[in-house]
C-alpha atoms as a PDB file:
ATOM      1  CA  MET A   1      -0.022   0.207  -0.142  1.00  0.00           C
ATOM      2  CA  LYS A   2       3.048   2.085   0.642  1.00  0.00           C
ATOM      3  CA  THR A   3       3.947   2.025  -2.731  1.00  0.00           C
ATOM      4  CA  GLN A   4       1.383   2.761  -4.346  1.00  0.00           C
ATOM      5  CA  THR A   5       1.294   5.396  -2.639  1.00  0.00           C
ATOM      6  CA  ASN A   6       4.398   6.560  -3.538  1.00  0.00           C
ATOM      7  CA  ILE A   7       4.112   6.054  -7.217  1.00  0.00           C
ATOM      8  CA  ARG A   8       1.034   8.549  -6.305  1.00  0.00           C
ATOM      9  CA  HIS A   9       2.662  10.868  -5.094  1.00  0.00           C
ATOM     10  CA  LEU A  10       5.436  10.553  -7.988  1.00  0.00           C
ATOM     11  CA  THR A  11       3.142  10.776 -10.440  1.00  0.00           C
ATOM     12  CA  PHE A  12       1.776  13.996  -9.029  1.00  0.00           C
ATOM     13  CA  THR A  13       4.980  15.593  -8.505  1.00  0.00           C
ATOM     14  CA  LEU A  14       6.254  14.771 -12.019  1.00  0.00           C
ATOM     15  CA  SER A  15       2.780  16.019 -13.492  1.00  0.00           C
ATOM     16  CA  PHE A  16       2.360  19.373 -11.278  1.00  0.00           C
ATOM     17  CA  LEU A  17       6.271  19.922 -12.341  1.00  0.00           C
ATOM     18  CA  LEU A  18       5.304  19.738 -16.503  1.00  0.00           C
ATOM     19  CA  VAL A  19       2.871  22.191 -15.981  1.00  0.00           C
ATOM     20  CA  LEU A  20       5.008  24.591 -14.481  1.00  0.00           C
ATOM     21  CA  SER A  21       7.974  24.100 -16.402  1.00  0.00           C
ATOM     22  CA  GLY A  22       6.239  23.459 -20.228  1.00  0.00           C
ATOM     23  CA  PRO A  23       6.619  21.025 -22.682  1.00  0.00           C
ATOM     24  CA  LEU A  24       9.750  19.039 -22.353  1.00  0.00           C
ATOM     25  CA  SER A  25      12.925  19.549 -25.006  1.00  0.00           C
ATOM     26  CA  LEU A  26      14.829  16.259 -26.072  1.00  0.00           C
ATOM     27  CA  GLN A  27      17.811  15.937 -27.709  1.00  0.00           C
ATOM     28  CA  ALA A  28      19.256  13.054 -29.232  1.00  0.00           C
ATOM     29  CA  VAL A  29      22.767  12.527 -28.382  1.00  0.00           C
ATOM     30  CA  PRO A  30      25.663  10.656 -31.056  1.00  0.00           C
ATOM     31  CA  GLU A  31      26.157   7.242 -31.399  1.00  0.00           C
ATOM     32  CA  SER A  32      29.737   8.267 -31.231  1.00  0.00           C
ATOM     33  CA  ASN A  33      32.300  11.212 -32.082  1.00  0.00           C
ATOM     34  CA  ALA A  34      33.207   9.992 -35.531  1.00  0.00           C
ATOM     35  CA  SER A  35      29.650  10.096 -36.632  1.00  0.00           C
ATOM     36  CA  SER A  36      28.984  13.001 -35.089  1.00  0.00           C
ATOM     37  CA  GLU A  37      32.541  14.575 -36.725  1.00  0.00           C
ATOM     38  CA  THR A  38      31.671  13.598 -40.558  1.00  0.00           C
ATOM     39  CA  ASN A  39      28.012  14.953 -39.981  1.00  0.00           C
ATOM     40  CA  ARG A  40      29.392  17.945 -38.337  1.00  0.00           C
ATOM     41  CA  ALA A  41      31.706  18.657 -42.049  1.00  0.00           C
ATOM     42  CA  SER A  42      28.058  17.977 -44.493  1.00  0.00           C
ATOM     43  CA  GLY A  43      26.294  20.078 -42.561  1.00  0.00           C
ATOM     44  CA  GLN A  44      23.740  17.733 -41.525  1.00  0.00           C
ATOM     45  CA  ASP A  45      22.276  17.031 -38.477  1.00  0.00           C
ATOM     46  CA  PRO A  46      22.180  13.021 -37.075  1.00  0.00           C
ATOM     47  CA  LEU A  47      18.133  13.083 -36.764  1.00  0.00           C
ATOM     48  CA  GLY A  48      18.563  14.520 -40.983  1.00  0.00           C
ATOM     49  CA  LEU A  49      18.156  18.194 -40.119  1.00  0.00           C
ATOM     50  CA  SER A  50      19.987  20.759 -41.221  1.00  0.00           C
ATOM     51  CA  LEU A  51      22.280  22.613 -38.938  1.00  0.00           C
ATOM     52  CA  PRO A  52      22.673  26.561 -39.077  1.00  0.00           C
ATOM     53  CA  THR A  53      26.044  27.300 -41.542  1.00  0.00           C
ATOM     54  CA  ASP A  54      28.178  30.532 -40.940  1.00  0.00           C
ATOM     55  CA  GLU A  55      27.077  31.782 -44.489  1.00  0.00           C
ATOM     56  CA  PRO A  56      24.609  35.187 -44.351  1.00  0.00           C
ATOM     57  CA  SER A  57      21.583  34.507 -44.703  1.00  0.00           C
ATOM     58  CA  THR A  58      18.787  36.149 -47.975  1.00  0.00           C
ATOM     59  CA  VAL A  59      17.011  39.303 -47.351  1.00  0.00           C
ATOM     60  CA  PHE A  60      13.498  39.620 -48.967  1.00  0.00           C
ATOM     61  CA  SER A  61      12.474  43.126 -49.915  1.00  0.00           C
ATOM     62  CA  TYR A  62       9.479  44.031 -52.410  1.00  0.00           C
ATOM     63  CA  GLN A  63      10.276  45.104 -55.798  1.00  0.00           C
ATOM     64  CA  LEU A  64       7.326  47.627 -56.446  1.00  0.00           C
ATOM     65  CA  GLU A  65       8.090  48.667 -59.592  1.00  0.00           C
ATOM     66  CA  GLY A  66       6.435  46.747 -62.465  1.00  0.00           C
ATOM     67  CA  ARG A  67       3.776  44.603 -60.257  1.00  0.00           C
ATOM     68  CA  PRO A  68       0.394  45.697 -61.354  1.00  0.00           C
ATOM     69  CA  ASP A  69      -1.247  47.562 -57.775  1.00  0.00           C
ATOM     70  CA  PRO A  70      -3.232  44.908 -55.917  1.00  0.00           C
ATOM     71  CA  PHE A  71      -5.429  46.649 -54.947  1.00  0.00           C
ATOM     72  CA  SER A  72      -7.402  47.897 -57.929  1.00  0.00           C
ATOM     73  CA  PRO A  73     -10.608  47.141 -59.248  1.00  0.00           C
ATOM     74  CA  PHE A  74     -10.544  43.762 -61.881  1.00  0.00           C
ATOM     75  CA  ILE A  75     -13.346  45.707 -63.843  1.00  0.00           C
ATOM     76  CA  THR A  76     -13.107  49.144 -64.911  1.00  0.00           C
ATOM     77  CA  GLU A  77     -14.587  51.428 -67.075  1.00  0.00           C
ATOM     78  CA  LYS A  78     -14.033  51.763 -70.561  1.00  0.00           C
ATOM     79  CA  ALA A  79     -12.627  55.702 -70.971  1.00  0.00           C
ATOM     80  CA  THR A  80     -15.099  56.144 -74.166  1.00  0.00           C
ATOM     81  CA  SER A  81     -12.992  57.846 -77.651  1.00  0.00           C
ATOM     82  CA  SER A  82     -15.718  60.150 -79.140  1.00  0.00           C
ATOM     83  CA  ILE A  83     -15.620  62.939 -76.258  1.00  0.00           C
ATOM     84  CA  ASN A  84     -14.433  66.207 -78.238  1.00  0.00           C
ATOM     85  CA  MET A  85     -11.718  68.099 -76.394  1.00  0.00           C
ATOM     86  CA  ASP A  86     -12.516  71.487 -78.409  1.00  0.00           C
ATOM     87  CA  GLU A  87     -16.462  71.415 -76.903  1.00  0.00           C
ATOM     88  CA  ILE A  88     -16.778  74.091 -75.165  1.00  0.00           C
ATOM     89  CA  VAL A  89     -18.527  72.968 -71.800  1.00  0.00           C
ATOM     90  CA  ASP A  90     -20.959  75.153 -69.662  1.00  0.00           C
ATOM     91  CA  ASN A  91     -20.598  76.191 -66.762  1.00  0.00           C
ATOM     92  CA  GLU A  92     -23.452  75.518 -63.785  1.00  0.00           C
ATOM     93  CA  GLU A  93     -23.477  79.503 -62.359  1.00  0.00           C
ATOM     94  CA  THR A  94     -27.404  80.113 -61.732  1.00  0.00           C
ATOM     95  CA  LEU A  95     -28.742  83.261 -64.186  1.00  0.00           C
ATOM     96  CA  SER A  96     -29.908  86.637 -63.178  1.00  0.00           C
ATOM     97  CA  GLY A  97     -30.337  90.226 -64.257  1.00  0.00           C
ATOM     98  CA  MET A  98     -28.948  90.724 -67.274  1.00  0.00           C
ATOM     99  CA  GLN A  99     -26.953  87.122 -67.659  1.00  0.00           C
ATOM    100  CA  LEU A 100     -30.881  86.302 -68.724  1.00  0.00           C
ATOM    101  CA  PHE A 101     -30.726  88.402 -71.728  1.00  0.00           C
ATOM    102  CA  GLU A 102     -28.402  87.557 -74.932  1.00  0.00           C
ATOM    103  CA  PRO A 103     -27.122  90.493 -76.529  1.00  0.00           C
ATOM    104  CA  SER A 104     -29.141  89.213 -80.165  1.00  0.00           C
ATOM    105  CA  GLN A 105     -32.128  89.664 -77.737  1.00  0.00           C
ATOM    106  CA  LEU A 106     -31.246  93.420 -77.263  1.00  0.00           C
ATOM    107  CA  LYS A 107     -31.416  96.460 -78.990  1.00  0.00           C
ATOM    108  CA  LEU A 108     -29.011  99.662 -78.238  1.00  0.00           C
ATOM    109  CA  VAL A 109     -31.292 102.995 -78.085  1.00  0.00           C
ATOM    110  CA  ALA A 110     -29.378 105.096 -76.204  1.00  0.00           C
ATOM    111  CA  ILE A 111     -25.769 105.981 -74.667  1.00  0.00           C
ATOM    112  CA  VAL A 112     -25.112 108.608 -71.763  1.00  0.00           C
ATOM    113  CA  PHE A 113     -21.963 109.696 -71.292  1.00  0.00           C
ATOM    114  CA  GLU A 114     -22.096 112.276 -67.848  1.00  0.00           C
ATOM    115  CA  ASP A 115     -18.652 113.259 -66.409  1.00  0.00           C
ATOM    116  CA  SER A 116     -16.776 109.509 -66.036  1.00  0.00           C
ATOM    117  CA  ALA A 117     -19.768 107.523 -65.835  1.00  0.00           C
ATOM    118  CA  GLU A 118     -20.731 105.654 -68.856  1.00  0.00           C
ATOM    119  CA  LEU A 119     -24.235 104.252 -69.682  1.00  0.00           C
ATOM    120  CA  ALA A 120     -26.156 102.397 -72.235  1.00  0.00           C
ATOM    121  CA  MET A 121     -29.782 101.788 -72.657  1.00  0.00           C
ATOM    122  CA  VAL A 122     -31.136  98.945 -74.506  1.00  0.00           C
ATOM    123  CA  GLU A 123     -35.101  96.984 -74.621  1.00  0.00           C
ATOM    124  CA  ASP A 124     -35.971  93.706 -75.227  1.00  0.00           C
ATOM    125  CA  ALA A 125     -38.492  92.302 -77.384  1.00  0.00           C
ATOM    126  CA  THR A 126     -41.465  93.457 -75.565  1.00  0.00           C
ATOM    127  CA  GLY A 127     -39.661  97.744 -75.257  1.00  0.00           C
ATOM    128  CA  GLN A 128     -38.923  96.476 -71.379  1.00  0.00           C
ATOM    129  CA  GLY A 129     -35.806  99.345 -70.989  1.00  0.00           C
ATOM    130  CA  TYR A 130     -32.282  98.198 -69.401  1.00  0.00           C
ATOM    131  CA  ALA A 131     -29.045 100.522 -68.166  1.00  0.00           C
ATOM    132  CA  LEU A 132     -25.816  98.405 -68.684  1.00  0.00           C
ATOM    133  CA  ARG A 133     -22.685  99.473 -67.256  1.00  0.00           C
ATOM    134  CA  PRO A 134     -18.788  98.534 -68.098  1.00  0.00           C
ATOM    135  CA  GLY A 135     -18.180  95.475 -66.107  1.00  0.00           C
ATOM    136  CA  MET A 136     -21.486  93.969 -66.051  1.00  0.00           C
ATOM    137  CA  LYS A 137     -22.444  90.236 -67.389  1.00  0.00           C
ATOM    138  CA  ILE A 138     -24.691  89.667 -69.969  1.00  0.00           C
ATOM    139  CA  GLY A 139     -25.769  86.671 -71.190  1.00  0.00           C
ATOM    140  CA  ARG A 140     -24.257  83.729 -70.858  1.00  0.00           C
ATOM    141  CA  LYS A 141     -20.595  84.286 -71.352  1.00  0.00           C
ATOM    142  CA  GLY A 142     -20.476  88.109 -71.609  1.00  0.00           C
ATOM    143  CA  ILE A 143     -18.915  91.355 -70.028  1.00  0.00           C
ATOM    144  CA  ILE A 144     -19.129  94.854 -70.956  1.00  0.00           C
ATOM    145  CA  THR A 145     -15.479  95.904 -71.412  1.00  0.00           C
ATOM    146  CA  THR A 146     -16.145  99.235 -73.185  1.00  0.00           C
ATOM    147  CA  ILE A 147     -19.569 102.197 -74.125  1.00  0.00           C
ATOM    148  CA  ASP A 148     -18.146 104.295 -77.029  1.00  0.00           C
ATOM    149  CA  PRO A 149     -20.559 107.304 -77.999  1.00  0.00           C
ATOM    150  CA  ASN A 150     -22.461 105.117 -80.776  1.00  0.00           C
ATOM    151  CA  GLN A 151     -21.600 101.230 -79.914  1.00  0.00           C
ATOM    152  CA  VAL A 152     -21.454  98.541 -76.996  1.00  0.00           C
ATOM    153  CA  ILE A 153     -18.314  96.119 -77.215  1.00  0.00           C
ATOM    154  CA  ILE A 154     -19.244  92.888 -75.015  1.00  0.00           C
ATOM    155  CA  GLU A 155     -16.839  90.232 -74.542  1.00  0.00           C
ATOM    156  CA  GLU A 156     -17.487  86.551 -74.524  1.00  0.00           C
ATOM    157  CA  THR A 157     -15.363  84.331 -73.282  1.00  0.00           C
ATOM    158  CA  SER A 158     -15.705  80.554 -73.762  1.00  0.00           C
ATOM    159  CA  VAL A 159     -13.889  77.203 -72.006  1.00  0.00           C
ATOM    160  CA  THR A 160     -13.465  74.492 -74.088  1.00  0.00           C
ATOM    161  CA  ARG A 161     -12.675  70.598 -72.458  1.00  0.00           C
ATOM    162  CA  SER A 162      -9.465  71.443 -72.356  1.00  0.00           C
ATOM    163  CA  GLY A 163      -9.766  74.381 -70.551  1.00  0.00           C
ATOM    164  CA  LYS A 164      -9.019  76.546 -74.021  1.00  0.00           C
ATOM    165  CA  LYS A 165     -10.205  79.950 -73.335  1.00  0.00           C
ATOM    166  CA  ILE A 166     -11.243  81.226 -76.826  1.00  0.00           C
ATOM    167  CA  THR A 167     -13.198  85.029 -76.914  1.00  0.00           C
ATOM    168  CA  ASN A 168     -14.999  86.841 -78.900  1.00  0.00           C
ATOM    169  CA  ASN A 169     -16.458  90.009 -79.432  1.00  0.00           C
ATOM    170  CA  ILE A 170     -19.822  91.672 -80.180  1.00  0.00           C
ATOM    171  CA  VAL A 171     -20.295  94.410 -80.823  1.00  0.00           C
ATOM    172  CA  MET A 172     -23.899  96.623 -80.808  1.00  0.00           C
ATOM    173  CA  LEU A 173     -24.328  98.970 -82.811  1.00  0.00           C
ATOM    174  CA  LEU A 174     -26.485 102.534 -81.874  1.00  0.00           C
ATOM    175  CA  LYS A 175     -28.660 103.520 -85.187  1.00  0.00           C
ATOM    176  CA  LYS A 176     -29.635 106.702 -85.812  1.00  0.00           C
ATOM    177  CA  LYS A 177     -33.575 108.036 -85.879  1.00  0.00           C
ATOM    178  CA  GLY A 178     -34.416 106.033 -89.172  1.00  0.00           C
ATOM    179  CA  GLU A 179     -32.451 103.167 -89.731  1.00  0.00           C
ATOM    180  CA  GLU A 180     -33.368  99.925 -88.819  1.00  0.00           C
END
C-alpha cells in the first residue's frame, strides 16, 4: 500500500513539474564522436535536420516597380474616345439680371456719358428698357468691356474641355433715327 501511495505521489509531482516548466525538450545524443564529426562536416544533423551554417541569410525585399497594383479593381469603365476636347463646356452658374438676355435679343437705343459714368440703354422684344454699365455681365458668357459714343462692345469668353479659353467680341451698334 505504501508503494502505491509513493507512485501516486511521484506521478502527481511529475505532472505538477511538467505544468510549471512547460513541454519537455529532448535532444538526440549521437552514437559516437566519429559519426558526429562526419555529420557536422557534411552540414547535416544526425537526425536528418539541417544545421545552421555560417553563411549570411538572404534578405527579402519587395520590389514595387513593374508590378500591378494589388488594390486596383478588376472591372474598369472603358474610356470613351468620342469626347471632343475642343467642345465648349457650359458653366453651371445660375443666371440673374442681364445674364438672362443674350446680346442678340436686345436693341441698343441710347448711350449716355456723364462725367466719368458711361451708361447704355437697351430694350428687349417687349419694349422693356434696361441700363448697361462697363463690367456688367450679359448673357451666359459676356461682359460689357467698353461703351463708346455709338457702340457697346461685349466680350464673350468660352472655355473648352481642354481648358483653352476662346474670346469673341460682339458689337452692338447705336442706330440713328430712321435706320433699321
